[in-house]
């Protein structure tokens, strides 16, 4: 099952939930990570202040992975697989070159008649 995380509070709740689902105490998870129970408690209470590497280590120890995807696709996750993706292609399309109207043919200056000067 996917758990979208869009706020700090969601990440905090999920870290605790994954730890409790595996029936681990903070002390036992901290021991597996090689950190103190107080450090893990601080990380769980405010994961935004922890380094991304430390959060990844905790998730890896809990056997959880991070999956990144565009938010539109997350909304459309229930769409049938045989339908084309609702996302627009990011490849640039060639812009058509403007067609200039044919210019009036002008006679060279020296070739004009005397009365046209």
C-alpha atoms as a PDB file:
ATOM      1  CA  UNK A   1       0.000   0.000   0.000  1.00  0.00           C
ATOM      2  CA  UNK A   2       1.205   3.517  -0.797  1.00  0.00           C
ATOM      3  CA  UNK A   3       1.312   6.264   1.801  1.00  0.00           C
ATOM      4  CA  UNK A   4       1.634   9.726   0.248  1.00  0.00           C
ATOM      5  CA  UNK A   5       3.644  12.175   2.321  1.00  0.00           C
ATOM      6  CA  UNK A   6       3.051  15.861   1.692  1.00  0.00           C
ATOM      7  CA  UNK A   7       3.683  17.317   5.155  1.00  0.00           C
ATOM      8  CA  UNK A   8       6.092  16.867   8.048  1.00  0.00           C
ATOM      9  CA  UNK A   9       3.322  15.573  10.289  1.00  0.00           C
ATOM     10  CA  UNK A  10       2.524  12.783   7.840  1.00  0.00           C
ATOM     11  CA  UNK A  11       6.145  11.654   7.776  1.00  0.00           C
ATOM     12  CA  UNK A  12       6.361  11.731  11.574  1.00  0.00           C
ATOM     13  CA  UNK A  13       3.225   9.595  11.917  1.00  0.00           C
ATOM     14  CA  UNK A  14       4.374   7.099   9.305  1.00  0.00           C
ATOM     15  CA  UNK A  15       7.821   6.626  10.851  1.00  0.00           C
ATOM     16  CA  UNK A  16       6.234   5.773  14.193  1.00  0.00           C
ATOM     17  CA  UNK A  17       3.573   3.572  12.569  1.00  0.00           C
ATOM     18  CA  UNK A  18       6.131   1.527  10.588  1.00  0.00           C
ATOM     19  CA  UNK A  19       8.235   1.045  13.722  1.00  0.00           C
ATOM     20  CA  UNK A  20       5.237  -0.079  15.780  1.00  0.00           C
ATOM     21  CA  UNK A  21       3.992  -2.359  12.968  1.00  0.00           C
ATOM     22  CA  UNK A  22       7.269  -4.238  13.206  1.00  0.00           C
ATOM     23  CA  UNK A  23       6.878  -4.378  16.994  1.00  0.00           C
ATOM     24  CA  UNK A  24      10.089  -2.448  17.613  1.00  0.00           C
ATOM     25  CA  UNK A  25      10.710  -0.109  20.518  1.00  0.00           C
ATOM     26  CA  UNK A  26      12.628   3.088  20.001  1.00  0.00           C
ATOM     27  CA  UNK A  27      15.533   1.586  21.941  1.00  0.00           C
ATOM     28  CA  UNK A  28      15.731  -1.573  19.791  1.00  0.00           C
ATOM     29  CA  UNK A  29      15.467   0.370  16.496  1.00  0.00           C
ATOM     30  CA  UNK A  30      18.049   2.866  17.715  1.00  0.00           C
ATOM     31  CA  UNK A  31      20.371  -0.036  18.600  1.00  0.00           C
ATOM     32  CA  UNK A  32      19.987  -1.425  15.061  1.00  0.00           C
ATOM     33  CA  UNK A  33      20.862   1.991  13.658  1.00  0.00           C
ATOM     34  CA  UNK A  34      23.795   2.557  16.005  1.00  0.00           C
ATOM     35  CA  UNK A  35      22.296   5.698  17.539  1.00  0.00           C
ATOM     36  CA  UNK A  36      20.837   6.509  20.938  1.00  0.00           C
ATOM     37  CA  UNK A  37      17.174   6.172  21.802  1.00  0.00           C
ATOM     38  CA  UNK A  38      17.092   9.951  22.382  1.00  0.00           C
ATOM     39  CA  UNK A  39      18.415  10.588  18.864  1.00  0.00           C
ATOM     40  CA  UNK A  40      15.719   8.346  17.370  1.00  0.00           C
ATOM     41  CA  UNK A  41      13.068  10.039  19.499  1.00  0.00           C
ATOM     42  CA  UNK A  42      14.223  13.445  18.203  1.00  0.00           C
ATOM     43  CA  UNK A  43      14.147  12.148  14.628  1.00  0.00           C
ATOM     44  CA  UNK A  44      10.638  10.740  15.006  1.00  0.00           C
ATOM     45  CA  UNK A  45       9.323  13.906  16.654  1.00  0.00           C
ATOM     46  CA  UNK A  46      10.713  16.217  13.949  1.00  0.00           C
ATOM     47  CA  UNK A  47      12.060  14.368  10.895  1.00  0.00           C
ATOM     48  CA  UNK A  48      12.511  17.651   8.999  1.00  0.00           C
ATOM     49  CA  UNK A  49      15.478  18.493  11.240  1.00  0.00           C
ATOM     50  CA  UNK A  50      17.193  15.166  10.513  1.00  0.00           C
ATOM     51  CA  UNK A  51      19.432  14.675   7.518  1.00  0.00           C
ATOM     52  CA  UNK A  52      17.884  12.935   4.530  1.00  0.00           C
ATOM     53  CA  UNK A  53      20.532  10.236   4.846  1.00  0.00           C
ATOM     54  CA  UNK A  54      19.491   9.498   8.430  1.00  0.00           C
ATOM     55  CA  UNK A  55      15.808   9.301   7.453  1.00  0.00           C
ATOM     56  CA  UNK A  56      16.759   6.921   4.627  1.00  0.00           C
ATOM     57  CA  UNK A  57      18.714   4.761   7.094  1.00  0.00           C
ATOM     58  CA  UNK A  58      15.701   4.532   9.394  1.00  0.00           C
ATOM     59  CA  UNK A  59      13.404   3.658   6.480  1.00  0.00           C
ATOM     60  CA  UNK A  60      15.851   1.073   5.183  1.00  0.00           C
ATOM     61  CA  UNK A  61      16.089  -0.553   8.618  1.00  0.00           C
ATOM     62  CA  UNK A  62      12.287  -0.645   8.739  1.00  0.00           C
ATOM     63  CA  UNK A  63      12.288  -2.218   5.230  1.00  0.00           C
ATOM     64  CA  UNK A  64      10.421   0.750   3.735  1.00  0.00           C
ATOM     65  CA  UNK A  65      11.248   2.455   0.447  1.00  0.00           C
ATOM     66  CA  UNK A  66      10.615   5.920  -0.924  1.00  0.00           C
ATOM     67  CA  UNK A  67       8.894   6.229  -4.297  1.00  0.00           C
ATOM     68  CA  UNK A  68       8.737   9.602  -6.046  1.00  0.00           C
ATOM     69  CA  UNK A  69       6.181  10.317  -8.733  1.00  0.00           C
ATOM     70  CA  UNK A  70       4.357  13.326 -10.102  1.00  0.00           C
ATOM     71  CA  UNK A  71       1.389  14.282  -7.981  1.00  0.00           C
ATOM     72  CA  UNK A  72      -1.049  14.084 -10.945  1.00  0.00           C
ATOM     73  CA  UNK A  73      -0.194  10.443 -11.463  1.00  0.00           C
ATOM     74  CA  UNK A  74      -0.852   9.734  -7.775  1.00  0.00           C
ATOM     75  CA  UNK A  75      -4.357  11.114  -8.215  1.00  0.00           C
ATOM     76  CA  UNK A  76      -4.857   9.051 -11.354  1.00  0.00           C
ATOM     77  CA  UNK A  77      -3.489   5.817  -9.818  1.00  0.00           C
ATOM     78  CA  UNK A  78      -6.898   4.150 -10.174  1.00  0.00           C
ATOM     79  CA  UNK A  79      -7.003   4.748 -13.943  1.00  0.00           C
ATOM     80  CA  UNK A  80      -6.943   1.569 -16.059  1.00  0.00           C
ATOM     81  CA  UNK A  81      -3.487   0.548 -17.254  1.00  0.00           C
ATOM     82  CA  UNK A  82      -4.490   0.345 -20.930  1.00  0.00           C
ATOM     83  CA  UNK A  83      -5.385   4.038 -21.108  1.00  0.00           C
ATOM     84  CA  UNK A  84      -2.701   6.514 -22.115  1.00  0.00           C
ATOM     85  CA  UNK A  85      -1.056   8.470 -19.330  1.00  0.00           C
ATOM     86  CA  UNK A  86      -2.843  11.730 -18.475  1.00  0.00           C
ATOM     87  CA  UNK A  87       0.525  13.438 -18.111  1.00  0.00           C
ATOM     88  CA  UNK A  88       1.674  15.693 -20.898  1.00  0.00           C
ATOM     89  CA  UNK A  89       4.914  14.884 -22.595  1.00  0.00           C
ATOM     90  CA  UNK A  90       7.745  17.147 -21.543  1.00  0.00           C
ATOM     91  CA  UNK A  91       9.436  16.925 -24.942  1.00  0.00           C
ATOM     92  CA  UNK A  92       9.343  20.179 -26.818  1.00  0.00           C
ATOM     93  CA  UNK A  93       7.278  20.195 -29.925  1.00  0.00           C
ATOM     94  CA  UNK A  94       8.781  21.984 -32.906  1.00  0.00           C
ATOM     95  CA  UNK A  95       7.287  25.387 -33.479  1.00  0.00           C
ATOM     96  CA  UNK A  96       6.016  25.981 -36.993  1.00  0.00           C
ATOM     97  CA  UNK A  97       7.984  28.516 -38.962  1.00  0.00           C
ATOM     98  CA  UNK A  98       5.864  31.495 -39.968  1.00  0.00           C
ATOM     99  CA  UNK A  99       5.165  31.771 -43.650  1.00  0.00           C
ATOM    100  CA  UNK A 100       5.919  35.184 -45.042  1.00  0.00           C
ATOM    101  CA  UNK A 101       3.618  36.543 -47.725  1.00  0.00           C
ATOM    102  CA  UNK A 102       5.332  36.950 -51.058  1.00  0.00           C
ATOM    103  CA  UNK A 103       6.841  40.392 -51.326  1.00  0.00           C
ATOM    104  CA  UNK A 104       5.987  42.732 -54.171  1.00  0.00           C
ATOM    105  CA  UNK A 105       8.430  42.531 -56.970  1.00  0.00           C
ATOM    106  CA  UNK A 106      10.205  45.777 -57.310  1.00  0.00           C
ATOM    107  CA  UNK A 107      12.222  46.854 -60.196  1.00  0.00           C
ATOM    108  CA  UNK A 108      15.771  47.823 -59.445  1.00  0.00           C
ATOM    109  CA  UNK A 109      16.229  51.539 -58.900  1.00  0.00           C
ATOM    110  CA  UNK A 110      18.080  52.061 -62.164  1.00  0.00           C
ATOM    111  CA  UNK A 111      15.495  50.158 -64.138  1.00  0.00           C
ATOM    112  CA  UNK A 112      12.619  52.471 -63.234  1.00  0.00           C
ATOM    113  CA  UNK A 113      11.104  54.666 -65.769  1.00  0.00           C
ATOM    114  CA  UNK A 114      12.049  58.274 -65.730  1.00  0.00           C
ATOM    115  CA  UNK A 115       8.564  59.443 -64.630  1.00  0.00           C
ATOM    116  CA  UNK A 116       8.614  57.124 -61.537  1.00  0.00           C
ATOM    117  CA  UNK A 117      11.466  59.065 -59.907  1.00  0.00           C
END
